[in-house]
C-alpha atoms as a PDB file:
ATOM      1  CA  UNK A   1     -57.086  -7.344  -7.507  1.00  0.00           C
ATOM      2  CA  UNK A   2     -53.463  -6.212  -8.066  1.00  0.00           C
ATOM      3  CA  UNK A   3     -51.718  -7.863 -10.974  1.00  0.00           C
ATOM      4  CA  UNK A   4     -48.491  -9.736 -10.103  1.00  0.00           C
ATOM      5  CA  UNK A   5     -45.255  -7.943 -10.905  1.00  0.00           C
ATOM      6  CA  UNK A   6     -43.580  -8.934 -14.149  1.00  0.00           C
ATOM      7  CA  UNK A   7     -40.359 -10.907 -13.779  1.00  0.00           C
ATOM      8  CA  UNK A   8     -37.183  -8.838 -14.279  1.00  0.00           C
ATOM      9  CA  UNK A   9     -35.589  -8.829 -17.691  1.00  0.00           C
ATOM     10  CA  UNK A  10     -32.355 -10.745 -18.151  1.00  0.00           C
ATOM     11  CA  UNK A  11     -29.372  -8.779 -16.800  1.00  0.00           C
ATOM     12  CA  UNK A  12     -31.558  -6.194 -15.046  1.00  0.00           C
ATOM     13  CA  UNK A  13     -30.649  -5.343 -11.433  1.00  0.00           C
ATOM     14  CA  UNK A  14     -33.606  -5.872  -9.138  1.00  0.00           C
ATOM     15  CA  UNK A  15     -34.023  -3.041  -6.594  1.00  0.00           C
ATOM     16  CA  UNK A  16     -33.414  -4.294  -3.064  1.00  0.00           C
ATOM     17  CA  UNK A  17     -33.461  -3.006   0.455  1.00  0.00           C
ATOM     18  CA  UNK A  18     -30.107  -1.914   1.987  1.00  0.00           C
ATOM     19  CA  UNK A  19     -28.289  -4.954   3.320  1.00  0.00           C
ATOM     20  CA  UNK A  20     -30.653  -7.405   1.657  1.00  0.00           C
ATOM     21  CA  UNK A  21     -28.547 -10.456   0.725  1.00  0.00           C
ATOM     22  CA  UNK A  22     -28.143 -11.732  -2.802  1.00  0.00           C
ATOM     23  CA  UNK A  23     -28.268 -15.470  -2.436  1.00  0.00           C
ATOM     24  CA  UNK A  24     -26.421 -16.441   0.739  1.00  0.00           C
ATOM     25  CA  UNK A  25     -24.433 -13.210   1.274  1.00  0.00           C
ATOM     26  CA  UNK A  26     -24.714  -9.462   0.597  1.00  0.00           C
ATOM     27  CA  UNK A  27     -22.666  -8.212  -2.352  1.00  0.00           C
ATOM     28  CA  UNK A  28     -19.928  -6.619  -0.247  1.00  0.00           C
ATOM     29  CA  UNK A  29     -19.410  -9.867   1.672  1.00  0.00           C
ATOM     30  CA  UNK A  30     -18.991 -11.787  -1.558  1.00  0.00           C
ATOM     31  CA  UNK A  31     -16.294  -9.332  -2.639  1.00  0.00           C
ATOM     32  CA  UNK A  32     -14.805  -9.429   0.868  1.00  0.00           C
ATOM     33  CA  UNK A  33     -14.097 -13.122   0.410  1.00  0.00           C
ATOM     34  CA  UNK A  34     -12.611 -12.615  -3.055  1.00  0.00           C
ATOM     35  CA  UNK A  35     -10.414  -9.672  -1.984  1.00  0.00           C
ATOM     36  CA  UNK A  36      -9.238 -11.311   1.252  1.00  0.00           C
ATOM     37  CA  UNK A  37      -7.510 -14.063  -0.734  1.00  0.00           C
ATOM     38  CA  UNK A  38      -5.311 -11.697  -2.760  1.00  0.00           C
ATOM     39  CA  UNK A  39      -1.533 -11.578  -2.299  1.00  0.00           C
ATOM     40  CA  UNK A  40       0.161  -8.182  -1.701  1.00  0.00           C
ATOM     41  CA  UNK A  41       0.370  -6.332  -5.020  1.00  0.00           C
ATOM     42  CA  UNK A  42      -2.368  -8.427  -6.631  1.00  0.00           C
ATOM     43  CA  UNK A  43      -5.269  -6.708  -8.389  1.00  0.00           C
ATOM     44  CA  UNK A  44      -8.933  -7.678  -8.471  1.00  0.00           C
ATOM     45  CA  UNK A  45     -10.378  -6.191 -11.658  1.00  0.00           C
ATOM     46  CA  UNK A  46     -13.819  -4.629 -11.763  1.00  0.00           C
ATOM     47  CA  UNK A  47     -14.809  -7.111 -14.449  1.00  0.00           C
ATOM     48  CA  UNK A  48     -13.814  -9.978 -12.149  1.00  0.00           C
ATOM     49  CA  UNK A  49     -15.882  -8.417  -9.367  1.00  0.00           C
ATOM     50  CA  UNK A  50     -18.800  -8.361 -11.768  1.00  0.00           C
ATOM     51  CA  UNK A  51     -18.376 -12.069 -12.429  1.00  0.00           C
ATOM     52  CA  UNK A  52     -18.348 -12.758  -8.680  1.00  0.00           C
ATOM     53  CA  UNK A  53     -21.552 -10.763  -8.215  1.00  0.00           C
ATOM     54  CA  UNK A  54     -23.259 -11.730 -11.448  1.00  0.00           C
ATOM     55  CA  UNK A  55     -23.265  -8.098 -12.638  1.00  0.00           C
ATOM     56  CA  UNK A  56     -22.077  -6.358 -15.801  1.00  0.00           C
ATOM     57  CA  UNK A  57     -19.506  -3.640 -15.083  1.00  0.00           C
ATOM     58  CA  UNK A  58     -20.250  -2.022 -18.452  1.00  0.00           C
ATOM     59  CA  UNK A  59     -23.852  -1.481 -17.360  1.00  0.00           C
ATOM     60  CA  UNK A  60     -24.256   1.797 -15.416  1.00  0.00           C
ATOM     61  CA  UNK A  61     -26.362   0.350 -12.613  1.00  0.00           C
ATOM     62  CA  UNK A  62     -24.186  -2.729 -12.476  1.00  0.00           C
ATOM     63  CA  UNK A  63     -21.074  -0.541 -12.250  1.00  0.00           C
ATOM     64  CA  UNK A  64     -22.554   1.497  -9.400  1.00  0.00           C
ATOM     65  CA  UNK A  65     -23.469  -1.649  -7.481  1.00  0.00           C
ATOM     66  CA  UNK A  66     -19.990  -3.123  -7.961  1.00  0.00           C
ATOM     67  CA  UNK A  67     -18.235   0.072  -6.852  1.00  0.00           C
ATOM     68  CA  UNK A  68     -20.425   0.399  -3.750  1.00  0.00           C
ATOM     69  CA  UNK A  69     -19.804  -3.225  -2.748  1.00  0.00           C
ATOM     70  CA  UNK A  70     -16.052  -2.884  -3.374  1.00  0.00           C
ATOM     71  CA  UNK A  71     -15.789   0.242  -1.221  1.00  0.00           C
ATOM     72  CA  UNK A  72     -17.508  -1.415   1.724  1.00  0.00           C
ATOM     73  CA  UNK A  73     -15.513  -4.617   1.332  1.00  0.00           C
ATOM     74  CA  UNK A  74     -12.243  -2.624   1.320  1.00  0.00           C
ATOM     75  CA  UNK A  75     -13.322  -0.687   4.429  1.00  0.00           C
ATOM     76  CA  UNK A  76     -14.190  -3.887   6.271  1.00  0.00           C
ATOM     77  CA  UNK A  77     -10.926  -5.567   5.261  1.00  0.00           C
ATOM     78  CA  UNK A  78      -8.938  -2.617   6.586  1.00  0.00           C
ATOM     79  CA  UNK A  79     -10.859  -2.593   9.853  1.00  0.00           C
ATOM     80  CA  UNK A  80     -11.004  -6.329  10.559  1.00  0.00           C
ATOM     81  CA  UNK A  81      -8.165  -7.923   8.556  1.00  0.00           C
ATOM     82  CA  UNK A  82      -5.638  -5.026   8.639  1.00  0.00           C
ATOM     83  CA  UNK A  83      -5.414  -5.046   4.844  1.00  0.00           C
ATOM     84  CA  UNK A  84      -5.221  -1.829   2.853  1.00  0.00           C
ATOM     85  CA  UNK A  85      -6.544  -1.640  -0.702  1.00  0.00           C
ATOM     86  CA  UNK A  86      -5.759   1.103  -3.176  1.00  0.00           C
ATOM     87  CA  UNK A  87      -7.874   1.994  -6.181  1.00  0.00           C
ATOM     88  CA  UNK A  88      -6.216   1.521  -9.552  1.00  0.00           C
ATOM     89  CA  UNK A  89      -8.415   3.865 -11.546  1.00  0.00           C
ATOM     90  CA  UNK A  90     -10.244   2.191 -14.394  1.00  0.00           C
ATOM     91  CA  UNK A  91      -8.986  -1.254 -13.416  1.00  0.00           C
ATOM     92  CA  UNK A  92      -9.918  -2.351  -9.887  1.00  0.00           C
ATOM     93  CA  UNK A  93      -8.679  -2.712  -6.311  1.00  0.00           C
ATOM     94  CA  UNK A  94      -5.102  -3.696  -5.460  1.00  0.00           C
ATOM     95  CA  UNK A  95      -3.910  -5.089  -2.124  1.00  0.00           C
ATOM     96  CA  UNK A  96      -1.280  -2.551  -1.108  1.00  0.00           C
ATOM     97  CA  UNK A  97       2.288  -3.503  -0.303  1.00  0.00           C
ATOM     98  CA  UNK A  98       4.053  -1.854   2.689  1.00  0.00           C
ATOM     99  CA  UNK A  99       5.616   0.886   0.569  1.00  0.00           C
ATOM    100  CA  UNK A 100       2.246   1.718  -0.975  1.00  0.00           C
ATOM    101  CA  UNK A 101       0.632   1.834   2.466  1.00  0.00           C
ATOM    102  CA  UNK A 102       3.273   4.319   3.656  1.00  0.00           C
ATOM    103  CA  UNK A 103       2.775   6.478   0.567  1.00  0.00           C
ATOM    104  CA  UNK A 104      -0.999   6.515   1.105  1.00  0.00           C
ATOM    105  CA  UNK A 105      -0.547   7.376   4.785  1.00  0.00           C
ATOM    106  CA  UNK A 106       1.742  10.286   3.880  1.00  0.00           C
ATOM    107  CA  UNK A 107      -0.894  11.624   1.492  1.00  0.00           C
ATOM    108  CA  UNK A 108      -3.486  11.544   4.272  1.00  0.00           C
ATOM    109  CA  UNK A 109      -1.031  13.290   6.563  1.00  0.00           C
ATOM    110  CA  UNK A 110      -0.318  16.013   4.024  1.00  0.00           C
ATOM    111  CA  UNK A 111      -4.037  16.598   3.473  1.00  0.00           C
ATOM    112  CA  UNK A 112      -4.591  16.844   7.218  1.00  0.00           C
ATOM    113  CA  UNK A 113      -1.874  19.480   7.562  1.00  0.00           C
ATOM    114  CA  UNK A 114      -3.321  21.397   4.624  1.00  0.00           C
ATOM    115  CA  UNK A 115      -6.823  21.322   6.111  1.00  0.00           C
ATOM    116  CA  UNK A 116      -5.590  22.690   9.448  1.00  0.00           C
ATOM    117  CA  UNK A 117      -3.688  25.482   7.701  1.00  0.00           C
ATOM    118  CA  UNK A 118      -6.737  26.318   5.576  1.00  0.00           C
ATOM    119  CA  UNK A 119      -8.954  26.454   8.659  1.00  0.00           C
ATOM    120  CA  UNK A 120      -6.506  28.750  10.450  1.00  0.00           C
ATOM    121  CA  UNK A 121      -6.337  31.051   7.416  1.00  0.00           C
ATOM    122  CA  UNK A 122     -10.120  31.340   7.320  1.00  0.00           C
ATOM    123  CA  UNK A 123     -10.352  32.229  11.008  1.00  0.00           C
ATOM    124  CA  UNK A 124      -7.685  34.906  10.523  1.00  0.00           C
ATOM    125  CA  UNK A 125      -9.901  36.710   7.984  1.00  0.00           C
ATOM    126  CA  UNK A 126     -12.397  37.668  10.709  1.00  0.00           C
ATOM    127  CA  UNK A 127     -12.173  41.324  11.740  1.00  0.00           C
ATOM    128  CA  UNK A 128     -12.074  41.246  15.532  1.00  0.00           C
ATOM    129  CA  UNK A 129     -12.925  44.940  15.703  1.00  0.00           C
ATOM    130  CA  UNK A 130     -16.397  44.234  14.348  1.00  0.00           C
ATOM    131  CA  UNK A 131     -17.252  41.657  17.031  1.00  0.00           C
ATOM    132  CA  UNK A 132     -18.680  41.828  20.509  1.00  0.00           C
ATOM    133  CA  UNK A 133     -16.504  40.742  23.417  1.00  0.00           C
ATOM    134  CA  UNK A 134     -17.883  37.202  23.704  1.00  0.00           C
ATOM    135  CA  UNK A 135     -17.596  36.425  19.982  1.00  0.00           C
ATOM    136  CA  UNK A 136     -14.118  37.984  19.809  1.00  0.00           C
ATOM    137  CA  UNK A 137     -12.894  35.728  22.604  1.00  0.00           C
ATOM    138  CA  UNK A 138     -14.362  32.711  20.849  1.00  0.00           C
ATOM    139  CA  UNK A 139     -12.591  33.623  17.604  1.00  0.00           C
ATOM    140  CA  UNK A 140      -9.286  34.239  19.410  1.00  0.00           C
ATOM    141  CA  UNK A 141      -9.547  30.889  21.210  1.00  0.00           C
ATOM    142  CA  UNK A 142     -10.277  29.134  17.914  1.00  0.00           C
ATOM    143  CA  UNK A 143      -7.304  30.808  16.224  1.00  0.00           C
ATOM    144  CA  UNK A 144      -5.071  29.840  19.157  1.00  0.00           C
ATOM    145  CA  UNK A 145      -6.251  26.235  18.902  1.00  0.00           C
ATOM    146  CA  UNK A 146      -5.405  26.118  15.183  1.00  0.00           C
ATOM    147  CA  UNK A 147      -1.974  27.640  15.882  1.00  0.00           C
ATOM    148  CA  UNK A 148      -1.183  25.052  18.542  1.00  0.00           C
ATOM    149  CA  UNK A 149      -2.364  22.246  16.295  1.00  0.00           C
ATOM    150  CA  UNK A 150      -0.150  23.474  13.469  1.00  0.00           C
ATOM    151  CA  UNK A 151       2.852  23.696  15.819  1.00  0.00           C
ATOM    152  CA  UNK A 152       2.308  20.151  17.079  1.00  0.00           C
ATOM    153  CA  UNK A 153       1.944  18.810  13.539  1.00  0.00           C
ATOM    154  CA  UNK A 154       5.139  20.579  12.457  1.00  0.00           C
ATOM    155  CA  UNK A 155       7.046  19.074  15.380  1.00  0.00           C
ATOM    156  CA  UNK A 156       5.822  15.575  14.587  1.00  0.00           C
ATOM    157  CA  UNK A 157       6.587  16.127  10.900  1.00  0.00           C
ATOM    158  CA  UNK A 158      10.197  17.100  11.667  1.00  0.00           C
ATOM    159  CA  UNK A 159      10.663  14.121  13.981  1.00  0.00           C
ATOM    160  CA  UNK A 160       9.164  11.776  11.421  1.00  0.00           C
ATOM    161  CA  UNK A 161      11.413  13.091   8.662  1.00  0.00           C
ATOM    162  CA  UNK A 162      14.482  12.634  10.866  1.00  0.00           C
ATOM    163  CA  UNK A 163      13.439   9.089  11.732  1.00  0.00           C
ATOM    164  CA  UNK A 164      12.766   8.186   8.092  1.00  0.00           C
ATOM    165  CA  UNK A 165      16.107   9.709   7.029  1.00  0.00           C
ATOM    166  CA  UNK A 166      17.940   7.709   9.699  1.00  0.00           C
ATOM    167  CA  UNK A 167      16.153   4.503   8.715  1.00  0.00           C
ATOM    168  CA  UNK A 168      16.946   5.079   5.041  1.00  0.00           C
ATOM    169  CA  UNK A 169      20.620   5.636   5.882  1.00  0.00           C
ATOM    170  CA  UNK A 170      20.692   2.490   8.019  1.00  0.00           C
ATOM    171  CA  UNK A 171      19.075   0.467   5.252  1.00  0.00           C
ATOM    172  CA  UNK A 172      21.570   1.786   2.706  1.00  0.00           C
ATOM    173  CA  UNK A 173      24.472   0.973   5.051  1.00  0.00           C
ATOM    174  CA  UNK A 174      23.154  -2.539   5.605  1.00  0.00           C
ATOM    175  CA  UNK A 175      22.859  -3.115   1.870  1.00  0.00           C
ATOM    176  CA  UNK A 176      26.385  -1.770   1.313  1.00  0.00           C
ATOM    177  CA  UNK A 177      27.871  -4.058   3.959  1.00  0.00           C
ATOM    178  CA  UNK A 178      26.028  -7.031   2.505  1.00  0.00           C
ATOM    179  CA  UNK A 179      27.309  -6.233  -0.987  1.00  0.00           C
ATOM    180  CA  UNK A 180      30.879  -5.846   0.293  1.00  0.00           C
ATOM    181  CA  UNK A 181      30.659  -9.182   2.102  1.00  0.00           C
ATOM    182  CA  UNK A 182      29.381 -10.856  -1.058  1.00  0.00           C
ATOM    183  CA  UNK A 183      32.176  -9.318  -3.142  1.00  0.00           C
ATOM    184  CA  UNK A 184      34.800 -10.455  -0.622  1.00  0.00           C
ATOM    185  CA  UNK A 185      33.372 -13.954  -0.630  1.00  0.00           C
ATOM    186  CA  UNK A 186      33.469 -14.022  -4.438  1.00  0.00           C
ATOM    187  CA  UNK A 187      37.112 -12.894  -4.429  1.00  0.00           C
ATOM    188  CA  UNK A 188      38.040 -15.617  -1.944  1.00  0.00           C
ATOM    189  CA  UNK A 189      36.264 -18.235  -4.036  1.00  0.00           C
ATOM    190  CA  UNK A 190      38.008 -16.940  -7.162  1.00  0.00           C
ATOM    191  CA  UNK A 191      41.437 -17.062  -5.475  1.00  0.00           C
ATOM    192  CA  UNK A 192      40.853 -20.616  -4.299  1.00  0.00           C
ATOM    193  CA  UNK A 193      39.851 -21.615  -7.819  1.00  0.00           C
ATOM    194  CA  UNK A 194      42.991 -19.981  -9.259  1.00  0.00           C
ATOM    195  CA  UNK A 195      45.193 -21.769  -6.696  1.00  0.00           C
ATOM    196  CA  UNK A 196      43.611 -25.102  -7.576  1.00  0.00           C
ATOM    197  CA  UNK A 197      44.244 -24.466 -11.289  1.00  0.00           C
ATOM    198  CA  UNK A 198      47.880 -23.570 -10.595  1.00  0.00           C
ATOM    199  CA  UNK A 199      48.390 -26.739  -8.565  1.00  0.00           C
ATOM    200  CA  UNK A 200      46.898 -28.798 -11.378  1.00  0.00           C
ATOM    201  CA  UNK A 201      49.150 -27.084 -13.925  1.00  0.00           C
ATOM    202  CA  UNK A 202      52.254 -27.701 -11.773  1.00  0.00           C
ATOM    203  CA  UNK A 203      51.311 -31.338 -11.432  1.00  0.00           C
ATOM    204  CA  UNK A 204      50.945 -31.636 -15.220  1.00  0.00           C
ATOM    205  CA  UNK A 205      54.352 -30.013 -15.738  1.00  0.00           C
ATOM    206  CA  UNK A 206      55.980 -32.348 -13.192  1.00  0.00           C
ATOM    207  CA  UNK A 207      54.458 -35.327 -14.969  1.00  0.00           C
ATOM    208  CA  UNK A 208      55.803 -34.105 -18.302  1.00  0.00           C
ATOM    209  CA  UNK A 209      59.279 -33.533 -16.869  1.00  0.00           C
ATOM    210  CA  UNK A 210      59.717 -36.783 -14.969  1.00  0.00           C
ATOM    211  CA  UNK A 211      57.350 -39.046 -16.794  1.00  0.00           C
ATOM    212  CA  UNK A 212      55.881 -40.087 -13.466  1.00  0.00           C
ATOM    213  CA  UNK A 213      52.487 -39.508 -12.092  1.00  0.00           C
ATOM    214  CA  UNK A 214      52.510 -37.157  -9.083  1.00  0.00           C
ATOM    215  CA  UNK A 215      51.295 -38.562  -5.776  1.00  0.00           C
ATOM    216  CA  UNK A 216      47.611 -38.262  -5.176  1.00  0.00           C
ATOM    217  CA  UNK A 217      46.686 -35.280  -3.017  1.00  0.00           C
ATOM    218  CA  UNK A 218      45.873 -36.164   0.610  1.00  0.00           C
END
């Protein structure tokens, strides 16, 4: 007869099948709920994730479980809730603000361009003179495909830069106009205040000169 398994020690992570829920929900779904409630720019610390999951982030196995659940939760939030999370190394996951999303997208774009250029450079190292006709045509077609892809990406990159430059200029112009309007409004308010003070001073002088109170303003 097989002896029953010993109960797990306190704090020990019990091995489980992939997707097996802990309590009512799998780990990533528990973090999904916690991360979905964050405001843009807010950070959910790894230690807080551990509290949600009942795991110790300082424990190696606990840390691995937390990181795996956080990655899946972030992927699901991007796919279903259109929320992008960025990793703040050593701290946790932060709900990205629009500027951070753009910066992350540009990094992906730059890596994609670099990968295409690297692939083209590798194909160009093949000596066509050492190949049979069929293989040479395959290599030439592959090189042509990389070249076209690079050209298309360069065109889109130029157009995107022009658009971003125009938008930045428009934003700066809008801010400048708004500042000028505010300054003009302040000057008008200041002039009206000065005029009111002058009228009050004239009234005081007239009272002193004649000994009579000036008529009340209409």
